[in-house]
């Protein structure tokens, strides 16, 4: 039976509420086990190129004076999976984003477990190349299903229309979206509430796009994630009670990449997720400059740490990034509406 737009919105809001309430119920259980089994976050001491991090250690020394649990993303993984499976599961619309969400979470769980329970030089987590290989594998497997099983072989260029790229190229684009967004959300997860707020706004924007495309269940999936993130931010605003860890950031990033592909909005990812892009770019620029120019562009990378080092307060950085992300989300939806995605 055809539902009015009000019914569709109401459906999404109910799923958001379900995700929020279920996550709120699960959080005390996570907190209990996190303290009982000592899910303590080990502070990162070196960059990806093996150099020390004196600025970072100084900026965040106060956070590691006391025990600080990580891997709170498990709450979101359970909440989103259960709500989606019971109320919103569909092989055509929500199987793939949920698979991406869980695939990213699996990579994150491995990394977090090594960080929490490991010892010695490898205790900081998975090595960068291994982590990249794992999330790339997730992207390629899901991209193969997207292109060869679901038959997606074209990509929308806003205002110009759909262009055929072929199944193999589409699989690679899909994998790139998953890898890029996974790493972007992970890199941004450095200040209390930052990645959670940015992800919530991005999922909200793609959820609106899915809604107006008529992809009701995909809209519902996005709203379920938004509901969990509302719960997470409740506990994670400064001073945070815990960190989502790679479990949460990789789940959010991989799921977001899949949602962007499912709404045929891959080229809107850099707009809706502009703060994530800037954060990632700042890290890449810093790394390249140190390697080839032997000097730093930023006091500390990514950008939010540079702003911290310049004297910006943590809450000020987070709030302003959220505002920018909100404007980008509105702009992305507007382009989708006028450029042919909706």
Protein backbone atom coordinates (compact mmCIF):
# COMPACT_ATOMS: atom_id res chain seq x y z
CA UNK A 1 0.00 0.00 0.00
CA UNK A 2 1.33 3.45 -0.92
CA UNK A 3 2.27 5.55 2.08
CA UNK A 4 2.21 9.33 2.22
CA UNK A 5 5.42 11.22 2.85
CA UNK A 6 4.30 11.76 6.43
CA UNK A 7 4.05 8.01 6.99
CA UNK A 8 7.52 7.50 5.50
CA UNK A 9 9.07 10.17 7.71
CA UNK A 10 7.26 8.75 10.74
CA UNK A 11 8.68 5.31 9.93
CA UNK A 12 12.23 6.66 9.82
CA UNK A 13 11.77 8.60 13.04
CA UNK A 14 10.50 5.47 14.80
CA UNK A 15 13.62 3.58 13.70
CA UNK A 16 15.81 6.45 14.89
CA UNK A 17 14.04 6.34 18.24
CA UNK A 18 14.47 2.56 18.40
CA UNK A 19 18.20 2.87 17.65
CA UNK A 20 18.56 5.58 20.27
CA UNK A 21 16.67 3.78 23.04
CA UNK A 22 18.30 0.41 22.40
CA UNK A 23 21.76 2.01 22.47
CA UNK A 24 20.89 3.84 25.70
CA UNK A 25 19.87 0.52 27.26
CA UNK A 26 23.02 -1.26 26.05
CA UNK A 27 25.48 1.44 27.14
CA UNK A 28 25.44 0.64 30.89
CA UNK A 29 26.18 -3.02 30.07
CA UNK A 30 29.09 -1.99 27.83
CA UNK A 31 30.37 0.36 30.54
CA UNK A 32 30.25 -2.43 33.12
CA UNK A 33 32.21 -4.86 30.95
CA UNK A 34 34.59 -2.16 29.71
CA UNK A 35 35.69 -1.41 33.28
CA UNK A 36 35.56 -5.00 34.46
CA UNK A 37 37.73 -6.31 31.63
CA UNK A 38 39.80 -3.12 31.29
CA UNK A 39 39.08 -1.95 27.78
CA UNK A 40 41.65 0.80 28.27
CA UNK A 41 42.74 2.81 25.26
CA UNK A 42 46.51 2.87 24.79
CA UNK A 43 47.74 6.28 23.68
CA UNK A 44 49.31 6.39 20.26
CA UNK A 45 52.98 7.32 20.51
CA UNK A 46 54.18 7.26 16.89
CA UNK A 47 52.93 8.35 13.47
CA UNK A 48 52.43 6.03 10.51
CA UNK A 49 56.01 6.78 9.45
CA UNK A 50 57.37 5.79 12.85
CA UNK A 51 58.07 9.31 14.18
CA UNK A 52 57.23 10.36 17.71
CA UNK A 53 54.16 12.44 18.60
CA UNK A 54 55.26 14.95 21.25
CA UNK A 55 52.54 17.49 20.38
CA UNK A 56 49.77 14.90 20.54
CA UNK A 57 51.02 13.47 23.82
CA UNK A 58 51.06 16.94 25.34
CA UNK A 59 47.64 17.93 24.04
CA UNK A 60 45.90 14.76 25.24
CA UNK A 61 47.95 13.91 28.31
CA UNK A 62 44.97 14.81 30.54
CA UNK A 63 42.82 12.14 28.88
CA UNK A 64 45.21 9.36 29.73
CA UNK A 65 45.89 10.27 33.35
CA UNK A 66 42.95 8.02 34.18
CA UNK A 67 41.65 4.86 32.55
CA UNK A 68 39.70 5.57 29.39
CA UNK A 69 37.61 2.78 27.80
CA UNK A 70 37.46 2.31 24.05
CA UNK A 71 35.55 0.05 21.65
CA UNK A 72 32.18 1.63 22.56
CA UNK A 73 31.31 1.24 18.90
CA UNK A 74 30.19 -2.26 19.87
CA UNK A 75 27.05 -0.67 21.31
CA UNK A 76 26.22 0.87 17.94
CA UNK A 77 27.05 -2.27 16.00
CA UNK A 78 24.67 -4.32 18.15
CA UNK A 79 21.92 -1.68 18.23
CA UNK A 80 21.94 -0.97 14.49
CA UNK A 81 22.15 -4.66 13.58
CA UNK A 82 19.31 -5.75 15.88
CA UNK A 83 16.96 -2.89 14.94
CA UNK A 84 17.65 -3.35 11.23
CA UNK A 85 17.29 -7.13 11.35
CA UNK A 86 13.99 -7.05 13.25
CA UNK A 87 12.26 -4.00 11.78
CA UNK A 88 13.99 -2.96 8.57
CA UNK A 89 15.81 -5.84 6.88
CA UNK A 90 15.49 -6.16 3.11
CA UNK A 91 17.80 -7.92 0.64
CA UNK A 92 17.37 -5.15 -1.90
CA UNK A 93 17.93 -2.06 0.26
CA UNK A 94 19.45 -2.79 3.67
CA UNK A 95 21.43 -6.03 3.30
CA UNK A 96 24.40 -4.35 1.62
CA UNK A 97 24.75 -1.29 3.91
CA UNK A 98 24.39 -3.54 6.95
CA UNK A 99 27.05 -5.87 5.54
CA UNK A 100 29.35 -2.88 5.00
CA UNK A 101 28.63 -1.66 8.52
CA UNK A 102 29.46 -5.07 10.00
CA UNK A 103 32.48 -5.62 7.73
CA UNK A 104 34.01 -2.34 8.85
CA UNK A 105 33.17 -3.16 12.45
CA UNK A 106 34.98 -6.50 12.19
CA UNK A 107 38.18 -4.80 11.03
CA UNK A 108 37.80 -2.30 13.86
CA UNK A 109 37.19 -4.99 16.50
CA UNK A 110 40.42 -6.76 15.53
CA UNK A 111 42.33 -3.49 15.75
CA UNK A 112 40.75 -2.48 19.07
CA UNK A 113 41.34 -5.89 20.65
CA UNK A 114 45.03 -5.72 19.77
CA UNK A 115 45.19 -2.22 21.22
CA UNK A 116 43.42 -3.21 24.43
CA UNK A 117 44.86 -6.62 25.14
CA UNK A 118 48.12 -6.60 23.16
CA UNK A 119 51.54 -5.85 24.56
CA UNK A 120 54.88 -4.79 23.18
CA UNK A 121 55.53 -2.79 20.02
CA UNK A 122 52.37 -3.99 18.27
CA UNK A 123 50.02 -3.02 21.08
CA UNK A 124 48.86 0.16 19.34
CA UNK A 125 46.73 -1.97 16.99
CA UNK A 126 46.89 -3.38 13.49
CA UNK A 127 49.68 -2.12 11.29
CA UNK A 128 48.49 0.41 8.72
CA UNK A 129 49.05 -1.79 5.64
CA UNK A 130 47.22 -4.73 7.25
CA UNK A 131 44.27 -2.55 8.22
CA UNK A 132 44.17 -1.09 4.70
CA UNK A 133 44.23 -4.56 3.16
CA UNK A 134 41.37 -5.79 5.35
CA UNK A 135 39.05 -2.85 4.70
CA UNK A 136 39.92 -2.99 0.98
CA UNK A 137 38.90 -6.64 0.95
CA UNK A 138 35.57 -5.71 2.51
CA UNK A 139 35.08 -3.02 -0.12
CA UNK A 140 35.96 -5.28 -3.04
CA UNK A 141 33.72 -8.14 -1.92
CA UNK A 142 30.73 -5.85 -1.40
CA UNK A 143 31.58 -3.96 -4.60
CA UNK A 144 31.53 -7.22 -6.54
CA UNK A 145 28.05 -7.97 -5.19
CA UNK A 146 26.89 -4.42 -5.95
CA UNK A 147 28.11 -4.45 -9.56
CA UNK A 148 27.75 -8.08 -10.65
CA UNK A 149 24.79 -9.26 -8.58
CA UNK A 150 22.68 -6.11 -8.22
CA UNK A 151 23.66 -4.88 -11.67
CA UNK A 152 24.80 -1.35 -10.88
CA UNK A 153 27.07 -0.26 -13.74
CA UNK A 154 26.45 3.49 -14.05
CA UNK A 155 27.35 6.49 -11.93
CA UNK A 156 25.43 9.74 -11.64
CA UNK A 157 27.24 12.98 -12.37
CA UNK A 158 25.06 15.77 -10.93
CA UNK A 159 23.44 17.98 -13.61
CA UNK A 160 24.87 15.78 -16.41
CA UNK A 161 23.14 12.44 -15.86
CA UNK A 162 24.16 8.80 -15.55
CA UNK A 163 27.29 7.51 -17.26
CA UNK A 164 28.01 3.84 -17.88
CA UNK A 165 31.33 2.78 -16.33
CA UNK A 166 31.04 -1.01 -16.50
CA UNK A 167 30.85 -3.61 -13.75
CA UNK A 168 34.58 -3.86 -12.99
CA UNK A 169 35.03 -0.10 -12.78
CA UNK A 170 31.93 0.18 -10.60
CA UNK A 171 33.30 -2.49 -8.27
CA UNK A 172 36.53 -0.49 -7.89
CA UNK A 173 34.63 2.76 -7.31
CA UNK A 174 32.53 1.03 -4.67
CA UNK A 175 35.64 -0.32 -2.93
CA UNK A 176 37.25 3.14 -3.04
CA UNK A 177 34.15 4.69 -1.42
CA UNK A 178 34.25 2.14 1.41
CA UNK A 179 38.01 2.47 2.00
CA UNK A 180 38.04 6.27 1.76
CA UNK A 181 35.11 6.86 4.12
CA UNK A 182 36.32 4.22 6.60
CA UNK A 183 39.72 5.86 6.90
CA UNK A 184 38.25 9.37 6.90
CA UNK A 185 35.93 8.69 9.85
CA UNK A 186 38.75 6.87 11.64
CA UNK A 187 41.15 9.80 11.17
CA UNK A 188 38.52 12.26 12.38
CA UNK A 189 37.88 10.27 15.57
CA UNK A 190 40.30 12.29 17.68
CA UNK A 191 38.20 14.70 19.74
CA UNK A 192 35.23 14.05 22.00
CA UNK A 193 32.07 13.99 19.90
CA UNK A 194 33.74 15.02 16.63
CA UNK A 195 33.40 11.95 14.42
CA UNK A 196 30.05 11.03 15.97
CA UNK A 197 28.52 14.40 15.10
CA UNK A 198 29.99 14.55 11.60
CA UNK A 199 28.82 11.00 10.85
CA UNK A 200 25.35 11.71 12.19
CA UNK A 201 24.92 14.69 9.85
CA UNK A 202 26.27 12.75 6.86
CA UNK A 203 23.96 9.78 7.48
CA UNK A 204 21.07 12.20 7.94
CA UNK A 205 21.78 13.83 4.57
CA UNK A 206 22.02 10.55 2.68
CA UNK A 207 18.94 9.34 4.53
CA UNK A 208 16.97 12.33 3.21
CA UNK A 209 18.24 11.60 -0.31
CA UNK A 210 17.17 7.95 0.04
CA UNK A 211 13.76 9.04 1.34
CA UNK A 212 13.03 11.26 -1.65
CA UNK A 213 14.28 8.56 -4.02
CA UNK A 214 11.64 6.27 -2.56
CA UNK A 215 14.20 3.99 -0.87
CA UNK A 216 12.24 3.86 2.37
CA UNK A 217 14.17 1.02 3.98
CA UNK A 218 17.55 2.55 3.17
CA UNK A 219 16.25 5.78 4.71
CA UNK A 220 15.27 3.73 7.76
CA UNK A 221 18.77 2.27 8.01
CA UNK A 222 20.32 5.74 7.97
CA UNK A 223 17.91 6.93 10.64
CA UNK A 224 18.74 3.92 12.82
CA UNK A 225 22.41 4.89 12.67
CA UNK A 226 21.46 8.49 13.48
CA UNK A 227 19.55 7.24 16.51
CA UNK A 228 22.56 5.32 17.80
CA UNK A 229 24.82 8.33 17.25
CA UNK A 230 22.48 10.55 19.25
CA UNK A 231 22.93 8.12 22.15
CA UNK A 232 26.69 7.96 21.62
CA UNK A 233 27.08 11.75 21.57
CA UNK A 234 25.07 11.97 24.81
CA UNK A 235 27.92 10.15 26.55
CA UNK A 236 30.78 11.35 24.34
CA UNK A 237 30.53 15.15 24.46
CA UNK A 238 33.48 16.67 26.37
CA UNK A 239 34.51 15.22 28.71
CA UNK A 240 33.85 11.87 27.03
CA UNK A 241 32.99 8.79 29.06
CA UNK A 242 34.50 6.47 26.44
CA UNK A 243 35.70 6.26 22.83
CA UNK A 244 33.96 4.50 19.96
CA UNK A 245 37.32 3.08 18.84
CA UNK A 246 38.03 1.65 15.42
CA UNK A 247 35.04 -0.65 15.91
CA UNK A 248 32.71 2.31 15.60
CA UNK A 249 34.66 4.52 13.21
CA UNK A 250 35.29 1.79 10.63
CA UNK A 251 31.67 0.59 10.87
CA UNK A 252 30.38 4.12 10.34
CA UNK A 253 32.77 4.85 7.49
CA UNK A 254 32.18 1.62 5.60
CA UNK A 255 28.41 1.88 6.03
CA UNK A 256 28.44 5.49 4.84
CA UNK A 257 30.37 4.57 1.71
CA UNK A 258 27.84 1.85 0.89
CA UNK A 259 24.89 4.18 1.49
CA UNK A 260 26.40 6.77 -0.85
CA UNK A 261 26.71 4.11 -3.57
CA UNK A 262 23.21 2.74 -2.95
CA UNK A 263 21.73 6.22 -3.46
CA UNK A 264 23.85 6.72 -6.61
CA UNK A 265 25.44 9.71 -4.88
CA UNK A 266 29.12 8.78 -4.89
CA UNK A 267 30.14 12.20 -6.21
CA UNK A 268 28.22 13.88 -3.38
CA UNK A 269 30.38 12.17 -0.76
CA UNK A 270 33.13 14.83 -0.92
CA UNK A 271 30.50 17.54 -0.47
CA UNK A 272 28.35 16.03 2.27
CA UNK A 273 31.48 14.68 3.97
CA UNK A 274 33.66 17.74 3.31
CA UNK A 275 34.97 17.99 6.92
CA UNK A 276 36.00 14.32 6.69
CA UNK A 277 37.76 15.03 3.39
CA UNK A 278 39.61 18.03 4.82
CA UNK A 279 40.70 16.04 7.88
CA UNK A 280 42.03 13.23 5.71
CA UNK A 281 43.70 15.62 3.28
CA UNK A 282 45.48 17.41 6.13
CA UNK A 283 46.97 14.12 7.31
CA UNK A 284 48.08 13.16 3.80
CA UNK A 285 49.59 16.61 3.19
CA UNK A 286 51.46 16.44 6.50
CA UNK A 287 52.81 12.98 5.72
CA UNK A 288 53.89 13.93 2.18
CA UNK A 289 55.52 17.14 3.35
CA UNK A 290 57.52 15.37 6.05
CA UNK A 291 58.62 12.69 3.62
CA UNK A 292 59.58 14.84 0.63
CA UNK A 293 60.15 18.33 2.06
CA UNK A 294 61.38 17.22 5.50
CA UNK A 295 59.18 19.74 7.30
CA UNK A 296 55.69 19.94 8.73
CA UNK A 297 52.85 22.00 7.27
CA UNK A 298 50.70 21.66 10.38
CA UNK A 299 51.78 21.74 14.01
CA UNK A 300 50.01 18.40 14.33
CA UNK A 301 47.76 16.50 11.94
CA UNK A 302 44.92 15.99 11.23
CA UNK A 303 43.52 19.52 11.19
CA UNK A 304 41.63 19.30 14.49
CA UNK A 305 44.90 18.63 16.34
CA UNK A 306 46.53 21.59 14.56
CA UNK A 307 43.69 23.81 15.79
CA UNK A 308 44.13 22.39 19.30
CA UNK A 309 47.82 23.24 19.20
CA UNK A 310 46.92 26.77 18.06
CA UNK A 311 44.91 27.21 21.24
CA UNK A 312 41.37 26.40 20.14
CA UNK A 313 39.35 24.66 22.83
CA UNK A 314 38.14 21.14 22.15
CA UNK A 315 34.45 22.04 22.38
CA UNK A 316 34.95 25.03 20.06
CA UNK A 317 36.57 22.85 17.40
CA UNK A 318 33.88 20.18 17.63
CA UNK A 319 30.98 22.63 17.51
CA UNK A 320 32.35 24.52 14.52
CA UNK A 321 33.08 21.31 12.63
CA UNK A 322 29.50 20.24 13.31
CA UNK A 323 28.19 23.54 11.93
CA UNK A 324 30.29 23.21 8.78
CA UNK A 325 29.11 19.60 8.39
CA UNK A 326 25.49 20.72 8.73
CA UNK A 327 25.92 23.32 5.99
CA UNK A 328 27.62 20.71 3.77
CA UNK A 329 24.76 18.27 4.40
CA UNK A 330 22.20 20.87 3.33
CA UNK A 331 24.27 21.72 0.26
CA UNK A 332 24.60 18.05 -0.66
CA UNK A 333 20.85 17.44 -0.43
CA UNK A 334 20.22 20.58 -2.49
CA UNK A 335 22.59 19.38 -5.22
CA UNK A 336 20.97 15.95 -5.13
CA UNK A 337 17.53 17.54 -5.56
CA UNK A 338 18.54 19.84 -8.41
CA UNK A 339 21.20 17.68 -10.03
CA UNK A 340 19.12 14.61 -10.76
CA UNK A 341 19.82 12.31 -7.79
CA UNK A 342 16.30 12.80 -6.43
